[in-house]
Amino acid sequence: MTEQLRLMAVHAHPDDESSKGAATMAKYVSEGVDVVVVTCTGGERGDILNPKLQGDTYIEEHIHEVRKREMDEAREILGIQQEWLGYVDSGLPEGDPLPPLPEGCFGLVDVDEAAGRLVRLIRSFRPQVITTYDENGGYPHPDHIMTHKVSMAAFEHATDTEKYPEAEFGPAWQPSKLYYNQGFNRTRTLALHEALLARGLESPYAEWLERWQKSEREERTLTTHVPCGDFFEIRDKALLAHATQIDPDGGWFRVPLDLQREVWPTEEYELARSLVDTTLPEDDLFAGIRENA
């Protein structure tokens, strides 16, 4: 291999990197791949979801600093690099009708301006592969949807030196592949659910599957299954580092790791853009790149 492999994962909030593709990143780090997470917002408007920390006035008043420290800890556990894109969390609007988004939040930014910030990071880091969210954001949070828009624009225009001049944004660079995270797919969820029931264990996925059945959500195309079961424990440790967002006694951790490794030892992605030849399905985000590196 003549060129260092580099992976960039673009996420909306701190904790997203640990719940979406963390085992994949840890696997690639173990193989010597350079991995960077770009976090678009500081997660300032995220609720405190861990019941053990709810009501803690210090955390409530310093949530931005707390979530930054959590991100630092998760980064160290995963062995990755991390950059902040520098925007403010939009929060998840609730109600009928939905209220307007708060002024100045990420969900309202100019896509080209935000893409310029990401282009600068792309040109500096020079990733061959980028992962992000699909057009629905994975779920309809305004920051996840904006992350998709910004990622797609940056991927398309990272070589456009008229739109983003080299003097300001650095030398042009074209990533070779872009993927959507699809770890929360119905096939995986159903397989784990049925495996738990077959072993006489309680499943945390019954309500998920009911909602899936009632929704009109289309199944996504899973093009790429990355074997990473050996790194599920690192994934869980990184997730637990986001203590304000994760209940250590919650559903995230009710499926034994041995069962997960047996039933579904991969993380899934949907190949959205590729400038190299590859054969689907894949088991490697760098398929078609390693051969030419």
Protein backbone atom coordinates (compact mmCIF):
# COMPACT_ATOMS: atom_id res chain seq x y z
CA MET A 1 0.00 0.00 0.00
CA THR A 2 1.60 3.23 -1.14
CA GLU A 3 -0.90 5.71 0.29
CA GLN A 4 -2.35 6.04 3.80
CA LEU A 5 -6.05 5.21 3.99
CA ARG A 6 -8.23 7.86 5.62
CA LEU A 7 -11.88 7.78 6.73
CA MET A 8 -14.00 10.81 7.66
CA ALA A 9 -17.30 10.32 9.53
CA VAL A 10 -19.59 13.38 9.58
CA HIS A 11 -22.08 13.50 12.47
CA ALA A 12 -24.61 15.96 13.83
CA HIS A 13 -23.99 15.80 17.59
CA PRO A 14 -21.50 14.42 20.09
CA ASP A 15 -22.64 10.82 20.84
CA ASP A 16 -23.77 10.18 17.23
CA GLU A 17 -20.30 8.91 16.37
CA SER A 18 -20.53 6.30 19.15
CA SER A 19 -24.01 5.04 18.25
CA LYS A 20 -23.50 4.96 14.47
CA GLY A 21 -20.48 3.20 13.04
CA ALA A 22 -18.24 3.26 16.12
CA ALA A 23 -17.18 -0.39 15.85
CA THR A 24 -16.33 0.17 12.18
CA MET A 25 -14.12 3.11 13.07
CA ALA A 26 -12.38 1.17 15.87
CA LYS A 27 -11.75 -1.70 13.46
CA TYR A 28 -10.15 0.58 10.89
CA VAL A 29 -8.05 2.34 13.54
CA SER A 30 -6.72 -1.09 14.57
CA GLU A 31 -5.65 -1.64 10.96
CA GLY A 32 -3.73 1.64 10.80
CA VAL A 33 -6.36 3.69 8.98
CA ASP A 34 -6.52 7.39 9.93
CA VAL A 35 -10.05 8.18 11.12
CA VAL A 36 -11.53 11.59 11.88
CA VAL A 37 -15.03 12.44 13.14
CA VAL A 38 -16.46 15.82 12.20
CA THR A 39 -19.11 16.88 14.72
CA CYS A 40 -21.35 19.58 13.26
CA THR A 41 -22.82 20.93 16.52
CA GLY A 42 -22.02 20.98 20.23
CA GLY A 43 -25.23 19.22 21.25
CA GLU A 44 -26.18 22.19 23.42
CA ARG A 45 -29.92 21.60 23.15
CA GLY A 46 -29.87 17.88 23.76
CA ASP A 47 -31.91 16.64 26.71
CA ILE A 48 -30.25 14.85 29.61
CA LEU A 49 -31.43 11.31 28.87
CA ASN A 50 -29.63 9.48 31.67
CA PRO A 51 -32.07 9.41 34.61
CA LYS A 52 -29.18 9.30 37.07
CA LEU A 53 -28.03 12.74 35.92
CA GLN A 54 -31.38 14.44 35.45
CA GLY A 55 -31.84 17.36 37.81
CA ASP A 56 -28.10 18.03 38.09
CA THR A 57 -28.04 21.82 37.88
CA TYR A 58 -24.33 22.02 37.08
CA ILE A 59 -24.79 19.80 34.02
CA GLU A 60 -27.90 21.70 32.95
CA GLU A 61 -26.08 25.04 33.19
CA HIS A 62 -22.85 23.83 31.55
CA ILE A 63 -24.20 21.30 29.06
CA HIS A 64 -21.95 22.51 26.23
CA GLU A 65 -18.77 22.01 28.27
CA VAL A 66 -19.99 18.69 29.65
CA ARG A 67 -20.79 17.30 26.23
CA LYS A 68 -17.41 18.45 24.92
CA ARG A 69 -15.67 16.54 27.71
CA GLU A 70 -17.78 13.49 26.91
CA MET A 71 -16.73 13.75 23.27
CA ASP A 72 -13.07 13.98 24.31
CA GLU A 73 -13.41 10.77 26.31
CA ALA A 74 -15.19 8.91 23.52
CA ARG A 75 -12.54 10.06 21.03
CA GLU A 76 -9.78 8.62 23.20
CA ILE A 77 -11.62 5.30 23.59
CA LEU A 78 -12.12 4.95 19.83
CA GLY A 79 -8.59 6.10 18.99
CA ILE A 80 -9.83 8.62 16.44
CA GLN A 81 -9.26 12.27 15.63
CA GLN A 82 -12.15 14.73 15.97
CA GLU A 83 -13.04 18.18 14.65
CA TRP A 84 -15.94 20.52 15.47
CA LEU A 85 -17.69 22.18 12.54
CA GLY A 86 -18.72 24.93 14.96
CA TYR A 87 -22.51 25.19 14.78
CA VAL A 88 -25.19 25.35 17.48
CA ASP A 89 -27.58 22.43 18.06
CA SER A 90 -31.10 23.04 16.70
CA GLY A 91 -32.88 20.88 19.26
CA LEU A 92 -35.63 18.48 18.26
CA PRO A 93 -38.84 20.48 17.68
CA GLU A 94 -41.96 18.92 19.17
CA GLY A 95 -45.65 19.75 18.94
CA ASP A 96 -48.37 20.12 16.33
CA PRO A 97 -47.74 22.35 14.53
CA LEU A 98 -43.99 22.14 15.01
CA PRO A 99 -42.46 25.33 16.40
CA PRO A 100 -39.91 27.25 14.34
CA LEU A 101 -36.25 26.39 14.81
CA PRO A 102 -34.26 28.72 17.08
CA GLU A 103 -32.43 31.56 15.36
CA GLY A 104 -28.81 30.85 14.53
CA CYS A 105 -29.06 27.06 14.84
CA PHE A 106 -27.46 24.54 12.50
CA GLY A 107 -30.77 23.58 10.94
CA LEU A 108 -31.08 27.10 9.49
CA VAL A 109 -27.55 27.69 8.22
CA ASP A 110 -26.68 28.39 4.61
CA VAL A 111 -25.71 25.04 3.12
CA ASP A 112 -22.91 26.47 0.96
CA GLU A 113 -21.36 28.29 3.91
CA ALA A 114 -21.43 25.19 6.11
CA ALA A 115 -20.19 23.03 3.23
CA GLY A 116 -17.24 25.40 2.91
CA ARG A 117 -16.22 24.64 6.48
CA LEU A 118 -16.42 20.93 5.74
CA VAL A 119 -14.56 21.35 2.45
CA ARG A 120 -11.70 22.95 4.38
CA LEU A 121 -11.52 19.89 6.64
CA ILE A 122 -11.80 17.50 3.68
CA ARG A 123 -8.97 19.21 1.84
CA SER A 124 -6.82 19.18 4.96
CA PHE A 125 -7.49 15.55 5.99
CA ARG A 126 -7.82 14.16 2.43
CA PRO A 127 -10.17 11.23 3.13
CA GLN A 128 -10.81 8.63 0.46
CA VAL A 129 -14.09 7.68 2.21
CA ILE A 130 -16.76 9.78 3.94
CA THR A 131 -19.72 8.49 5.94
CA THR A 132 -22.79 10.58 6.74
CA TYR A 133 -26.62 10.32 6.95
CA ASP A 134 -29.18 9.74 4.22
CA GLU A 135 -31.65 12.40 3.07
CA ASN A 136 -33.97 11.55 5.97
CA GLY A 137 -31.18 12.05 8.47
CA GLY A 138 -31.58 8.49 9.74
CA TYR A 139 -34.43 10.03 11.70
CA PRO A 140 -35.99 13.45 11.05
CA HIS A 141 -33.90 15.61 13.36
CA PRO A 142 -33.19 18.95 11.62
CA ASP A 143 -29.47 18.69 12.42
CA HIS A 144 -29.24 15.21 10.91
CA ILE A 145 -30.98 16.35 7.75
CA MET A 146 -28.70 19.39 7.52
CA THR A 147 -25.68 17.13 8.07
CA HIS A 148 -26.77 15.17 5.01
CA LYS A 149 -27.15 18.32 2.89
CA VAL A 150 -23.81 19.75 3.97
CA SER A 151 -21.96 16.46 3.50
CA MET A 152 -23.33 15.95 0.00
CA ALA A 153 -22.47 19.51 -1.05
CA ALA A 154 -18.95 19.23 0.36
CA PHE A 155 -18.35 15.88 -1.37
CA GLU A 156 -19.50 17.33 -4.70
CA HIS A 157 -17.58 20.61 -4.44
CA ALA A 158 -14.35 19.71 -2.64
CA THR A 159 -12.55 20.04 -5.99
CA ASP A 160 -14.30 23.26 -7.05
CA THR A 161 -11.57 25.86 -6.63
CA GLU A 162 -13.79 28.63 -7.98
CA LYS A 163 -16.47 28.07 -5.37
CA TYR A 164 -13.92 27.32 -2.62
CA PRO A 165 -10.59 28.95 -3.64
CA GLU A 166 -7.39 27.12 -2.74
CA ALA A 167 -5.96 30.23 -1.08
CA GLU A 168 -8.72 30.07 1.57
CA PHE A 169 -9.75 26.41 1.65
CA GLY A 170 -6.53 24.59 0.74
CA PRO A 171 -5.63 22.44 -2.29
CA ALA A 172 -8.52 20.61 -3.94
CA TRP A 173 -9.23 17.01 -2.95
CA GLN A 174 -11.83 14.57 -4.23
CA PRO A 175 -13.00 11.79 -1.89
CA SER A 176 -13.62 8.54 -3.74
CA LYS A 177 -16.67 7.18 -1.91
CA LEU A 178 -19.52 8.40 0.28
CA TYR A 179 -21.73 6.17 2.42
CA TYR A 180 -24.89 6.59 4.47
CA ASN A 181 -24.90 5.03 7.94
CA GLN A 182 -27.65 2.39 8.03
CA GLY A 183 -26.87 0.57 11.28
CA PHE A 184 -30.44 0.93 12.53
CA ASN A 185 -31.93 -1.26 9.85
CA ARG A 186 -35.01 -3.47 10.19
CA THR A 187 -33.25 -6.67 9.12
CA ARG A 188 -30.67 -6.42 11.89
CA THR A 189 -33.25 -5.39 14.47
CA LEU A 190 -35.55 -8.29 13.61
CA ALA A 191 -32.69 -10.80 13.67
CA LEU A 192 -31.59 -9.71 17.15
CA HIS A 193 -35.19 -9.57 18.39
CA GLU A 194 -35.92 -13.13 17.26
CA ALA A 195 -32.61 -14.43 18.63
CA LEU A 196 -33.37 -12.97 22.06
CA LEU A 197 -36.85 -14.49 22.16
CA ALA A 198 -35.53 -17.87 21.00
CA ARG A 199 -33.19 -17.87 23.98
CA GLY A 200 -35.97 -16.92 26.40
CA LEU A 201 -34.62 -13.40 26.86
CA GLU A 202 -36.51 -10.11 26.85
CA SER A 203 -36.10 -8.04 23.70
CA PRO A 204 -35.83 -4.24 23.76
CA TYR A 205 -36.89 -4.11 20.12
CA ALA A 206 -40.59 -5.04 20.23
CA GLU A 207 -41.82 -1.43 20.18
CA TRP A 208 -39.26 -0.50 17.53
CA LEU A 209 -40.58 -3.22 15.23
CA GLU A 210 -44.21 -2.25 15.88
CA ARG A 211 -43.47 1.35 14.94
CA TRP A 212 -41.61 0.17 11.86
CA GLN A 213 -44.57 -1.93 10.78
CA LYS A 214 -47.01 0.98 11.18
CA SER A 215 -44.78 3.52 9.46
CA GLU A 216 -44.45 4.05 5.74
CA ARG A 217 -40.68 4.15 6.05
CA GLU A 218 -39.00 2.52 3.05
CA GLU A 219 -36.32 -0.09 3.54
CA ARG A 220 -32.90 1.22 2.61
CA THR A 221 -30.45 -0.64 0.41
CA LEU A 222 -27.70 -2.19 2.52
CA THR A 223 -24.74 -2.38 0.16
CA THR A 224 -21.91 -2.81 2.64
CA HIS A 225 -21.62 -5.02 5.73
CA VAL A 226 -18.40 -4.32 7.66
CA PRO A 227 -17.37 -7.19 9.98
CA CYS A 228 -16.53 -5.52 13.29
CA GLY A 229 -17.93 -7.73 16.06
CA ASP A 230 -14.56 -7.81 17.83
CA PHE A 231 -14.95 -4.07 18.42
CA PHE A 232 -18.48 -3.98 19.88
CA GLU A 233 -17.08 -3.64 23.40
CA ILE A 234 -15.08 -0.56 22.40
CA ARG A 235 -18.22 0.83 20.74
CA ASP A 236 -20.19 0.40 23.97
CA LYS A 237 -17.45 2.01 26.08
CA ALA A 238 -17.41 5.02 23.76
CA LEU A 239 -21.19 5.26 23.96
CA LEU A 240 -21.12 5.14 27.76
CA ALA A 241 -18.65 8.03 27.73
CA HIS A 242 -21.59 10.21 26.65
CA ALA A 243 -23.05 9.89 30.13
CA THR A 244 -25.66 12.64 29.77
CA GLN A 245 -27.16 10.94 26.72
CA ILE A 246 -26.98 7.25 27.57
CA ASP A 247 -28.64 5.30 30.36
CA PRO A 248 -26.20 2.49 31.25
CA ASP A 249 -29.21 0.37 32.26
CA GLY A 250 -31.15 1.17 29.08
CA GLY A 251 -32.01 -0.75 25.95
CA TRP A 252 -28.67 -0.05 24.25
CA PHE A 253 -26.98 -2.63 26.46
CA ARG A 254 -29.63 -5.34 26.92
CA VAL A 255 -28.41 -7.56 24.10
CA PRO A 256 -25.41 -9.69 25.23
CA LEU A 257 -22.31 -8.99 23.17
CA ASP A 258 -21.76 -12.69 22.49
CA LEU A 259 -25.25 -12.91 21.00
CA GLN A 260 -24.65 -9.83 18.87
CA ARG A 261 -21.39 -11.27 17.55
CA GLU A 262 -23.10 -14.55 16.74
CA VAL A 263 -26.26 -13.17 15.13
CA TRP A 264 -25.17 -9.87 13.57
CA PRO A 265 -21.42 -9.13 13.76
CA THR A 266 -21.43 -6.31 11.20
CA GLU A 267 -22.34 -2.63 10.79
CA GLU A 268 -24.22 -1.61 7.67
CA TYR A 269 -23.85 1.17 5.14
CA GLU A 270 -25.46 2.31 1.92
CA LEU A 271 -23.07 3.32 -0.85
CA ALA A 272 -24.38 6.65 -2.12
CA ARG A 273 -21.49 7.91 -4.29
CA SER A 274 -18.51 6.11 -5.75
CA LEU A 275 -15.87 7.34 -8.16
CA VAL A 276 -14.11 3.96 -8.16
CA ASP A 277 -15.21 0.58 -9.43
CA THR A 278 -16.54 -1.74 -6.75
CA THR A 279 -18.63 -4.89 -6.60
CA LEU A 280 -21.73 -5.01 -4.39
CA PRO A 281 -22.30 -6.20 -1.79
CA GLU A 282 -19.10 -5.10 -0.06
CA ASP A 283 -17.48 -5.92 3.27
CA ASP A 284 -15.05 -2.98 3.25
CA LEU A 285 -15.61 0.77 2.93
CA PHE A 286 -12.31 0.94 1.06
CA ALA A 287 -13.26 -1.67 -1.54
CA GLY A 288 -12.03 -0.40 -4.91
CA ILE A 289 -9.62 1.97 -3.17
CA ARG A 290 -7.18 -0.42 -1.51
CA GLU A 291 -6.40 -1.97 -4.87
CA ASN A 292 -5.26 1.38 -6.26
CA ALA A 293 -3.65 2.85 -3.13
